[in-house]
Protein backbone atom coordinates (compact mmCIF):
# COMPACT_ATOMS: atom_id res chain seq x y z
CA MET A 1 27.51 -27.26 22.78
CA SER A 2 30.15 -24.53 22.75
CA ALA A 3 33.79 -25.11 23.60
CA PHE A 4 33.31 -23.73 27.11
CA GLY A 5 30.27 -25.68 28.27
CA PRO A 6 27.16 -23.60 27.55
CA PRO A 7 24.80 -24.68 24.77
CA ALA A 8 24.70 -22.79 21.52
CA GLY A 9 21.89 -20.25 21.41
CA CYS A 10 21.00 -16.65 22.04
CA VAL A 11 23.97 -14.81 23.54
CA GLU A 12 23.61 -11.59 25.49
CA ALA A 13 26.58 -9.63 26.77
CA LEU A 14 26.62 -6.90 29.38
CA ARG A 15 29.40 -4.63 30.56
CA PRO A 16 29.26 -2.89 33.96
CA ALA A 17 30.14 0.79 34.09
CA ARG A 18 33.74 1.72 34.96
CA LEU A 19 35.00 -1.87 34.72
CA GLU A 20 36.66 -3.74 31.86
CA ALA A 21 34.70 -6.95 32.31
CA THR A 22 31.98 -8.68 30.33
CA LEU A 23 29.04 -10.76 31.51
CA ARG A 24 28.20 -13.36 28.85
CA LEU A 25 24.75 -14.92 29.21
CA GLU A 26 23.63 -17.74 26.91
CA GLY A 27 19.96 -18.56 26.55
CA ALA A 28 19.11 -16.71 29.78
CA PRO A 29 17.43 -13.35 29.11
CA GLU A 30 15.73 -13.49 32.53
CA LEU A 31 19.18 -13.57 34.15
CA ALA A 32 20.05 -10.26 32.52
CA ALA A 33 16.92 -8.76 34.07
CA ALA A 34 17.82 -10.29 37.44
CA LEU A 35 21.30 -8.77 37.30
CA ARG A 36 19.87 -5.33 36.63
CA GLY A 37 17.57 -5.81 39.62
CA ALA A 38 20.43 -6.99 41.82
CA MET A 39 22.71 -4.08 40.94
CA PRO A 40 20.36 -1.20 40.08
CA GLY A 41 22.90 1.47 40.98
CA TRP A 42 25.64 -0.04 38.79
CA PRO A 43 24.69 0.47 35.14
CA LEU A 44 24.99 -2.52 32.80
CA ASP A 45 25.43 -1.66 29.14
CA ALA A 46 24.57 -4.10 26.38
CA VAL A 47 27.57 -5.09 24.26
CA PRO A 48 26.97 -5.46 20.47
CA ALA A 49 26.87 -9.04 19.22
CA SER A 50 29.88 -8.34 17.02
CA ALA A 51 32.10 -7.28 19.94
CA PRO A 52 35.13 -9.54 20.53
CA SER A 53 34.32 -9.77 24.25
CA ILE A 54 31.22 -11.86 23.52
CA HIS A 55 33.42 -14.57 22.08
CA SER A 56 36.01 -14.42 24.88
CA SER A 57 36.97 -17.50 26.85
CA PRO A 58 35.54 -17.94 30.38
CA ASP A 59 38.90 -16.81 31.73
CA GLU A 60 38.11 -13.35 30.32
CA ALA A 61 34.32 -13.13 30.30
CA LEU A 62 32.01 -14.17 33.14
CA THR A 63 29.87 -16.77 31.38
CA ALA A 64 26.59 -18.29 32.57
CA TRP A 65 23.82 -20.25 30.85
CA ARG A 66 20.40 -21.78 31.48
CA THR A 67 20.16 -25.46 32.41
CA ALA A 68 17.26 -27.82 32.98
CA ASP A 69 17.38 -27.29 36.74
CA GLY A 70 18.65 -23.72 37.03
CA TYR A 71 21.87 -22.15 35.77
CA ALA A 72 25.53 -22.95 35.34
CA GLN A 73 28.53 -20.65 35.40
CA ALA A 74 31.94 -21.33 33.89
CA VAL A 75 34.72 -21.20 36.48
CA PRO A 76 38.21 -20.29 35.21
CA GLY A 77 40.65 -23.14 35.70
CA ARG A 78 37.97 -25.77 36.29
CA THR A 79 36.43 -28.24 33.85
CA ARG A 80 33.09 -28.42 35.67
CA PRO A 81 30.81 -25.39 35.89
CA ARG A 82 29.34 -23.95 39.07
CA ARG A 83 25.74 -25.12 39.49
CA LEU A 84 23.30 -22.41 40.55
CA PRO A 85 19.73 -23.44 41.44
CA GLY A 86 17.87 -20.14 41.00
CA THR A 87 17.87 -16.75 39.34
CA ALA A 88 18.83 -14.74 42.43
CA THR A 89 21.54 -17.26 43.33
CA ALA A 90 22.98 -17.05 39.81
CA ALA A 91 22.90 -13.26 39.94
CA ALA A 92 24.67 -13.33 43.33
CA SER A 93 27.43 -15.55 41.94
CA LEU A 94 28.05 -13.28 38.95
CA VAL A 95 27.95 -10.14 41.10
CA ALA A 96 30.50 -11.65 43.50
CA ASP A 97 32.85 -12.37 40.59
CA LEU A 98 32.37 -8.83 39.28
CA ILE A 99 33.41 -7.49 42.68
CA ASP A 100 36.57 -9.60 42.53
CA ARG A 101 37.37 -8.11 39.11
CA LEU A 102 36.73 -4.62 40.46
CA LEU A 103 39.07 -5.14 43.42
CA GLU A 104 41.79 -6.37 41.06
CA ALA A 105 41.32 -3.30 38.87
CA ARG A 106 41.57 -0.88 41.82
CA PRO A 107 44.54 -1.90 43.97
CA SER A 108 44.74 1.58 45.49
CA GLN A 109 41.39 1.02 47.24
CA ILE A 110 40.54 -1.38 50.04
CA GLY A 111 37.55 -3.65 49.69
CA LEU A 112 35.71 -4.14 52.98
CA HIS A 113 33.28 -6.97 53.65
CA CYS A 114 30.73 -4.87 55.48
CA ALA A 115 27.41 -3.09 55.37
CA ALA A 116 27.33 0.70 55.29
CA VAL A 117 24.48 3.18 55.71
CA GLU A 118 24.38 6.96 55.56
CA ILE A 119 23.48 8.85 58.73
CA ASP A 120 23.87 12.64 58.75
CA GLU A 121 25.97 12.60 55.56
CA ARG A 122 28.48 10.13 57.00
CA LEU A 123 28.75 6.37 56.72
CA VAL A 124 28.36 3.99 59.62
CA LEU A 125 30.16 0.73 58.83
CA PHE A 126 29.01 -2.67 60.06
CA PRO A 127 31.86 -5.13 59.43
CA ALA A 128 30.59 -8.57 58.49
CA THR A 129 30.36 -11.31 61.08
CA HIS A 130 28.70 -14.69 60.64
CA ARG A 131 24.91 -14.56 60.86
CA ALA A 132 24.95 -11.10 62.47
CA GLY A 133 22.00 -9.91 60.38
CA LYS A 134 23.68 -7.06 58.50
CA SER A 135 21.45 -7.49 55.43
CA LEU A 136 18.25 -7.37 57.47
CA LEU A 137 19.67 -4.37 59.31
CA CYS A 138 20.27 -2.67 55.94
CA ALA A 139 16.67 -3.40 55.00
CA ALA A 140 15.52 -1.84 58.28
CA PHE A 141 17.65 1.26 57.64
CA ALA A 142 16.19 1.55 54.13
CA ALA A 143 12.66 1.15 55.52
CA ALA A 144 13.42 4.02 57.93
CA GLY A 145 14.45 6.25 55.01
CA HIS A 146 18.24 5.94 55.22
CA ARG A 147 20.43 5.29 52.19
CA VAL A 148 22.30 2.01 51.92
CA PHE A 149 25.84 2.32 50.56
CA ALA A 150 26.75 -1.33 50.98
CA ASP A 151 25.08 -4.52 52.00
CA ASP A 152 28.15 -6.70 51.52
CA VAL A 153 31.16 -4.85 50.03
CA LEU A 154 32.30 -1.22 50.27
CA LEU A 155 35.33 0.37 48.62
CA LEU A 156 37.46 2.40 51.01
CA ASP A 157 39.98 5.20 50.45
CA VAL A 158 42.17 6.58 53.24
CA ASP A 159 44.29 9.67 52.55
CA GLY A 160 47.59 10.58 54.20
CA GLU A 161 45.81 12.51 56.94
CA GLY A 162 43.70 9.51 57.95
CA ARG A 163 40.51 10.83 56.34
CA ALA A 164 38.51 7.82 55.15
CA THR A 165 35.89 7.77 52.39
CA GLY A 166 33.58 4.93 51.43
CA GLU A 167 32.47 4.32 47.85
CA ALA A 168 29.25 2.52 46.95
CA LEU A 169 29.02 -0.22 44.32
CA GLY A 170 25.32 0.25 43.65
CA ILE A 171 24.38 -3.32 44.59
CA ALA A 172 21.02 -3.96 46.25
CA PRO A 173 20.73 -5.58 49.69
CA ARG A 174 20.54 -9.38 49.40
CA LEU A 175 18.53 -11.22 52.04
CA ARG A 176 18.76 -14.88 52.94
CA LEU A 177 15.44 -16.67 52.61
CA PRO A 178 13.24 -17.63 54.28
CA LEU A 179 13.04 -14.55 56.45
CA PRO A 180 12.90 -14.99 60.24
CA ALA A 181 9.37 -15.55 61.50
CA SER A 182 10.01 -13.03 64.29
CA LEU A 183 10.59 -10.14 61.87
CA PRO A 184 8.60 -7.02 62.82
CA THR A 185 5.43 -6.72 60.74
CA ASP A 186 6.26 -3.32 59.22
CA LEU A 187 9.72 -4.46 58.12
CA ALA A 188 8.36 -7.69 56.68
CA GLY A 189 5.83 -5.64 54.71
CA PHE A 190 8.54 -3.31 53.40
CA ILE A 191 10.63 -6.26 52.23
CA ALA A 192 7.66 -7.92 50.54
CA ALA A 193 6.87 -4.68 48.70
CA HIS A 194 10.44 -4.23 47.44
CA GLU A 195 11.56 -7.79 46.72
CA ARG A 196 11.72 -8.25 42.95
CA VAL A 197 14.54 -10.72 42.30
CA SER A 198 14.31 -13.87 44.40
CA ASP A 199 14.51 -17.64 44.53
CA ARG A 200 14.41 -20.13 47.38
CA ARG A 201 17.81 -19.03 48.70
CA TYR A 202 18.06 -15.25 48.21
CA GLY A 203 15.94 -12.17 47.66
CA TYR A 204 17.21 -8.78 46.45
CA LEU A 205 15.50 -5.56 47.52
CA THR A 206 14.63 -3.18 44.71
CA LEU A 207 15.35 0.27 46.14
CA ASP A 208 15.19 3.70 44.53
CA ARG A 209 18.00 6.25 44.66
CA ASP A 210 16.58 7.74 47.86
CA ARG A 211 17.43 4.48 49.62
CA LEU A 212 20.34 3.01 47.62
CA ALA A 213 23.52 4.88 46.66
CA ASP A 214 24.67 4.76 43.05
CA HIS A 215 27.88 3.11 41.92
CA GLY A 216 30.77 5.48 42.64
CA GLU A 217 28.90 7.64 45.15
CA ARG A 218 31.11 8.56 48.11
CA ARG A 219 30.75 9.68 51.72
CA PRO A 220 33.20 10.12 54.64
CA ILE A 221 33.33 7.40 57.29
CA GLY A 222 31.70 8.44 60.56
CA ALA A 223 31.72 5.36 62.83
CA ILE A 224 32.26 1.62 63.03
CA VAL A 225 29.69 -0.63 64.72
CA LEU A 226 30.38 -4.31 65.34
CA LEU A 227 27.21 -6.41 65.31
CA ASP A 228 26.33 -8.88 68.04
CA ARG A 229 22.90 -10.28 67.30
CA LEU A 230 21.54 -12.17 70.29
CA PRO A 231 17.97 -13.54 70.09
CA GLY A 232 15.90 -12.47 73.06
CA THR A 233 17.78 -9.22 73.70
CA PRO A 234 15.02 -6.97 75.09
CA SER A 235 16.43 -3.68 73.78
CA PRO A 236 19.50 -2.83 71.67
CA ARG A 237 22.61 -1.77 73.55
CA LEU A 238 25.67 0.11 72.36
CA THR A 239 29.02 -0.52 74.03
CA ARG A 240 32.16 1.52 73.50
CA LEU A 241 35.10 -0.39 72.05
CA SER A 242 38.75 0.49 71.68
CA PRO A 243 40.07 1.60 68.28
CA GLY A 244 42.06 -1.65 68.25
CA ASP A 245 38.84 -3.67 68.27
CA GLY A 246 37.67 -1.82 65.18
CA LEU A 247 41.00 -2.11 63.39
CA LEU A 248 41.23 -5.84 64.04
CA GLN A 249 37.71 -6.34 62.66
CA LEU A 250 38.45 -4.30 59.53
CA LEU A 251 41.64 -6.26 58.92
CA GLY A 252 39.69 -9.50 59.15
CA GLN A 253 37.09 -8.24 56.69
CA SER A 254 39.39 -6.65 54.10
CA LEU A 255 39.15 -8.30 50.69
CA ALA A 256 41.91 -9.22 48.28
CA GLY A 257 40.05 -9.86 45.01
CA ALA A 258 40.36 -12.99 42.88
CA THR A 259 44.17 -12.90 42.95
CA GLY A 260 44.13 -13.63 46.67
CA THR A 261 47.05 -11.30 47.45
CA HIS A 262 46.58 -10.10 51.00
CA ASP A 263 49.21 -7.84 52.56
CA LEU A 264 47.86 -7.48 56.09
CA GLY A 265 50.90 -5.51 57.22
CA GLY A 266 50.29 -2.98 54.48
CA ARG A 267 46.61 -2.84 55.40
CA VAL A 268 47.50 -1.92 58.99
CA ALA A 269 49.52 1.04 57.75
CA ARG A 270 46.60 2.20 55.59
CA LEU A 271 43.73 1.58 57.98
CA LEU A 272 45.29 2.64 61.27
CA PRO A 273 45.28 6.43 60.65
CA MET A 274 41.50 6.44 60.12
CA MET A 275 40.95 4.66 63.45
CA ARG A 276 42.40 7.53 65.47
CA GLY A 277 39.38 9.46 66.67
CA LEU A 278 36.84 7.29 64.83
CA PRO A 279 34.03 6.10 67.14
CA CYS A 280 33.94 2.32 67.47
CA ARG A 281 31.00 0.54 69.10
CA SER A 282 29.47 -2.88 69.61
CA LEU A 283 25.72 -3.26 69.06
CA ARG A 284 23.94 -6.10 70.82
CA TYR A 285 20.43 -6.46 69.47
CA ASP A 286 17.64 -8.74 68.30
CA ASP A 287 15.02 -6.49 66.68
CA PRO A 288 16.58 -4.76 63.62
CA VAL A 289 14.00 -1.95 63.67
CA ALA A 290 14.85 -1.05 67.27
CA ALA A 291 18.54 -1.38 66.42
CA VAL A 292 18.22 1.27 63.71
CA ALA A 293 16.75 3.76 66.18
CA ARG A 294 19.51 3.02 68.69
CA VAL A 295 22.31 3.44 66.16
CA VAL A 296 20.87 6.71 64.85
CA SER A 297 20.53 8.14 68.36
CA GLY A 298 23.98 6.83 69.27
CA VAL A 299 25.57 8.63 66.33
CA ALA A 300 23.77 11.86 67.24
CA GLU A 301 24.64 11.60 70.95
CA PRO A 302 27.69 9.32 71.13
CA HIS A 303 27.78 8.75 74.89
CA ARG A 304 24.08 8.77 75.80
CA ASP A 305 23.05 5.51 77.49
CA GLU A 306 26.20 3.78 76.24
CA GLN A 307 27.69 0.91 78.15
CA LYS A 308 31.35 1.32 79.06
CA PRO A 309 33.76 -1.45 78.10
CA LEU A 310 33.92 -4.17 80.71
CA SER A 311 37.25 -4.80 82.43
CA SER A 312 37.58 -7.72 84.81
CA SER A 313 41.02 -6.80 86.11
CA PRO A 314 43.54 -3.94 86.08
CA VAL A 315 45.94 -6.35 84.37
CA PRO A 316 44.60 -8.36 81.42
CA ALA A 317 45.19 -12.10 81.52
CA PHE A 318 47.74 -12.74 78.82
CA GLY A 319 46.80 -16.37 78.40
CA ALA A 320 48.58 -17.65 81.50
CA ARG A 321 48.54 -21.44 81.67
CA GLU A 322 48.50 -23.98 84.46
CA SER A 323 51.45 -25.82 82.91
CA THR A 324 55.03 -24.57 82.89
CA PRO A 325 55.34 -21.89 80.19
CA ALA A 326 57.56 -22.49 77.18
CA VAL A 327 59.92 -19.72 78.25
CA GLY A 328 61.12 -21.94 81.08
CA ASP A 329 63.27 -20.22 83.69
CA SER A 330 61.49 -16.98 84.62
CA SER A 331 64.81 -15.31 85.38
CA ARG A 332 66.15 -15.96 81.87
CA ALA A 333 66.33 -12.78 79.78
CA TRP A 334 64.55 -12.40 76.44
CA ARG A 335 64.89 -9.75 73.76
CA ARG A 336 62.75 -8.47 70.93
CA VAL A 337 63.17 -9.84 67.42
CA PRO A 338 63.42 -7.18 64.68
CA VAL A 339 59.97 -6.53 63.16
CA ALA A 340 58.81 -4.99 59.90
CA ALA A 341 56.74 -2.24 61.51
CA GLU A 342 54.92 -1.27 64.67
CA TYR A 343 52.09 1.18 65.20
CA PRO A 344 50.67 2.64 68.43
CA LEU A 345 46.89 3.02 68.52
CA GLY A 346 45.56 4.57 71.69
CA GLU A 347 47.01 2.53 74.55
CA GLU A 348 47.52 -0.51 72.34
CA HIS A 349 50.18 -1.54 69.88
CA PHE A 350 50.04 -3.34 66.53
CA VAL A 351 53.21 -5.15 65.47
CA VAL A 352 53.88 -6.45 61.95
CA ASP A 353 56.43 -9.26 61.98
CA ALA A 354 58.99 -10.00 59.26
CA ASP A 355 56.57 -12.41 57.54
CA GLY A 356 53.76 -9.86 57.39
CA GLY A 357 51.81 -11.27 60.32
CA VAL A 358 49.91 -8.75 62.45
CA HIS A 359 49.91 -8.95 66.25
CA ARG A 360 47.81 -6.85 68.61
CA LEU A 361 49.23 -5.98 72.02
CA SER A 362 47.07 -4.74 74.88
CA ALA A 363 47.97 -1.65 76.87
CA VAL A 364 50.02 -3.59 79.43
CA ALA A 365 51.59 -5.84 76.80
CA SER A 366 52.53 -2.69 74.85
CA GLY A 367 54.35 -1.36 77.90
CA VAL A 368 56.26 -4.62 78.27
CA TRP A 369 57.07 -4.57 74.55
CA ARG A 370 58.55 -1.08 74.90
CA LEU A 371 60.61 -2.19 77.91
CA LEU A 372 62.00 -5.10 75.90
CA GLY A 373 63.04 -2.57 73.27
CA LEU A 374 65.28 -0.91 75.86
CA ALA A 375 66.86 -3.98 77.42
CA ALA A 376 66.63 -7.76 77.56
CA LEU A 377 64.38 -8.82 80.44
CA GLY A 378 62.92 -11.96 81.94
CA PRO A 379 59.37 -12.65 83.15
CA ALA A 380 60.43 -12.30 86.79
CA GLU A 381 61.85 -8.82 86.20
CA VAL A 382 58.73 -7.76 84.32
CA ALA A 383 56.47 -9.10 87.08
CA ALA A 384 58.44 -7.06 89.62
CA LEU A 385 58.02 -3.92 87.51
CA LEU A 386 54.28 -4.57 87.13
CA ALA A 387 53.98 -5.01 90.90
CA GLU A 388 55.14 -1.40 91.35
CA ARG A 389 52.32 -0.21 89.09
CA PHE A 390 49.53 -2.63 90.03
CA THR A 391 49.89 -2.78 93.79
CA GLU A 392 46.37 -4.17 94.26
CA VAL A 393 47.07 -7.31 92.18
CA ALA A 394 48.45 -10.43 93.86
CA PRO A 395 52.13 -11.07 93.03
CA ALA A 396 51.34 -14.65 92.00
CA ARG A 397 48.86 -13.36 89.44
CA LEU A 398 51.41 -10.91 88.05
CA ARG A 399 54.05 -13.62 87.76
CA ALA A 400 51.60 -15.90 85.94
CA ASP A 401 50.50 -13.12 83.59
CA ALA A 402 54.06 -12.08 82.81
CA ALA A 403 55.04 -15.69 82.13
CA GLY A 404 51.99 -16.10 79.90
CA LEU A 405 52.84 -12.96 77.94
CA PHE A 406 56.42 -14.08 77.35
CA ASP A 407 55.13 -17.51 76.36
CA THR A 408 52.79 -15.93 73.79
CA LEU A 409 55.40 -13.54 72.40
CA ALA A 410 57.87 -16.41 72.04
CA ALA A 411 55.28 -18.66 70.38
CA VAL A 412 54.56 -16.09 67.64
CA GLY A 413 58.24 -15.33 67.14
CA LEU A 414 58.35 -11.76 68.47
CA ILE A 415 60.99 -12.45 71.14
CA GLU A 416 63.99 -14.74 71.44
CA ARG A 417 66.36 -15.77 74.22
CA ALA A 418 69.06 -13.21 74.88
CA VAL A 419 72.57 -14.57 74.53
CA PRO A 420 74.63 -13.75 77.66
CA SER A 421 77.48 -11.37 76.89
């Protein structure tokens, strides 16, 4: 037994291209083959047995070894290893840790938890949401002849002019098993023909370069599509979203690497320029094959058969409550608290507070925010001003909405009571 947990035996070390990191595998030659299958576009070079990196501690090398019931991986800072039941699961764990190392090594880039496919030489991004089917959708795009740039993580660069470029890692799509019984027959056949690395939990698709981008390959960003998978949806439907919807989703899916440092305020400043003019859509679907056809046609003809965003009222409900709002007296004036930064995006506003928190203001809330920047006001005054603009809305509704907005702004620390002069 070695000092770090794995048993003594055959040691194999691999180093991924363009990254100072070492994968140390003990007594597990099949795991090396699985890793090459899981990341076919990211070359892994064998490290000579005499190299110092082979004998590094687990804090430096990513170390895994064969056990009686699967695999184990050393976890820096922990005495007990991570237990991994199968080959594909072990490969997924090591690949995830490699991505963390890569994000640490490239602080100038943003890691996005998303899928990305190439359509007409541009990337369509699908930010990750729970159980939205992005991996199956990637498989469907690959089956249709499109190239996958990311199934889980994409590197993003945004220049000073707001031009955004995505960079592939060369990692194969990873599917959760078992596959849905309702999967279209042709797609199920494609997956079966290309699945080479699998266990009971995961299966990786082995794709050639015509369907999977190599590590470091880059394309400009063309659109953002938020996934809404709803079983029973008869046909896929695209709905236009505001740029703020896309920005908020990207902020929620930006990755910080193993260090965990996450400057959301800084991310707003970097991501916001790319959102100006970038199409943002929601895709409701069930059948991934039909969804591919709808996305491709939607990119080619952006407004054909698209649903417009739904709006239930000229004035959004700002979270008005039945109980008395925390602001109390509606005639009492409030003023803005100094903030770190604020950014307009379309009709909306993103505000970064002094602690780095990010707050999204709707079009109407943005107007109120600007008014508060000119003078201290109370909810009653704001409701009166809104009544001049929204004459068709009942005054009671406007008063409730204004009180709710002030209540929310006060709760998150963006406004404070104005001291009478």
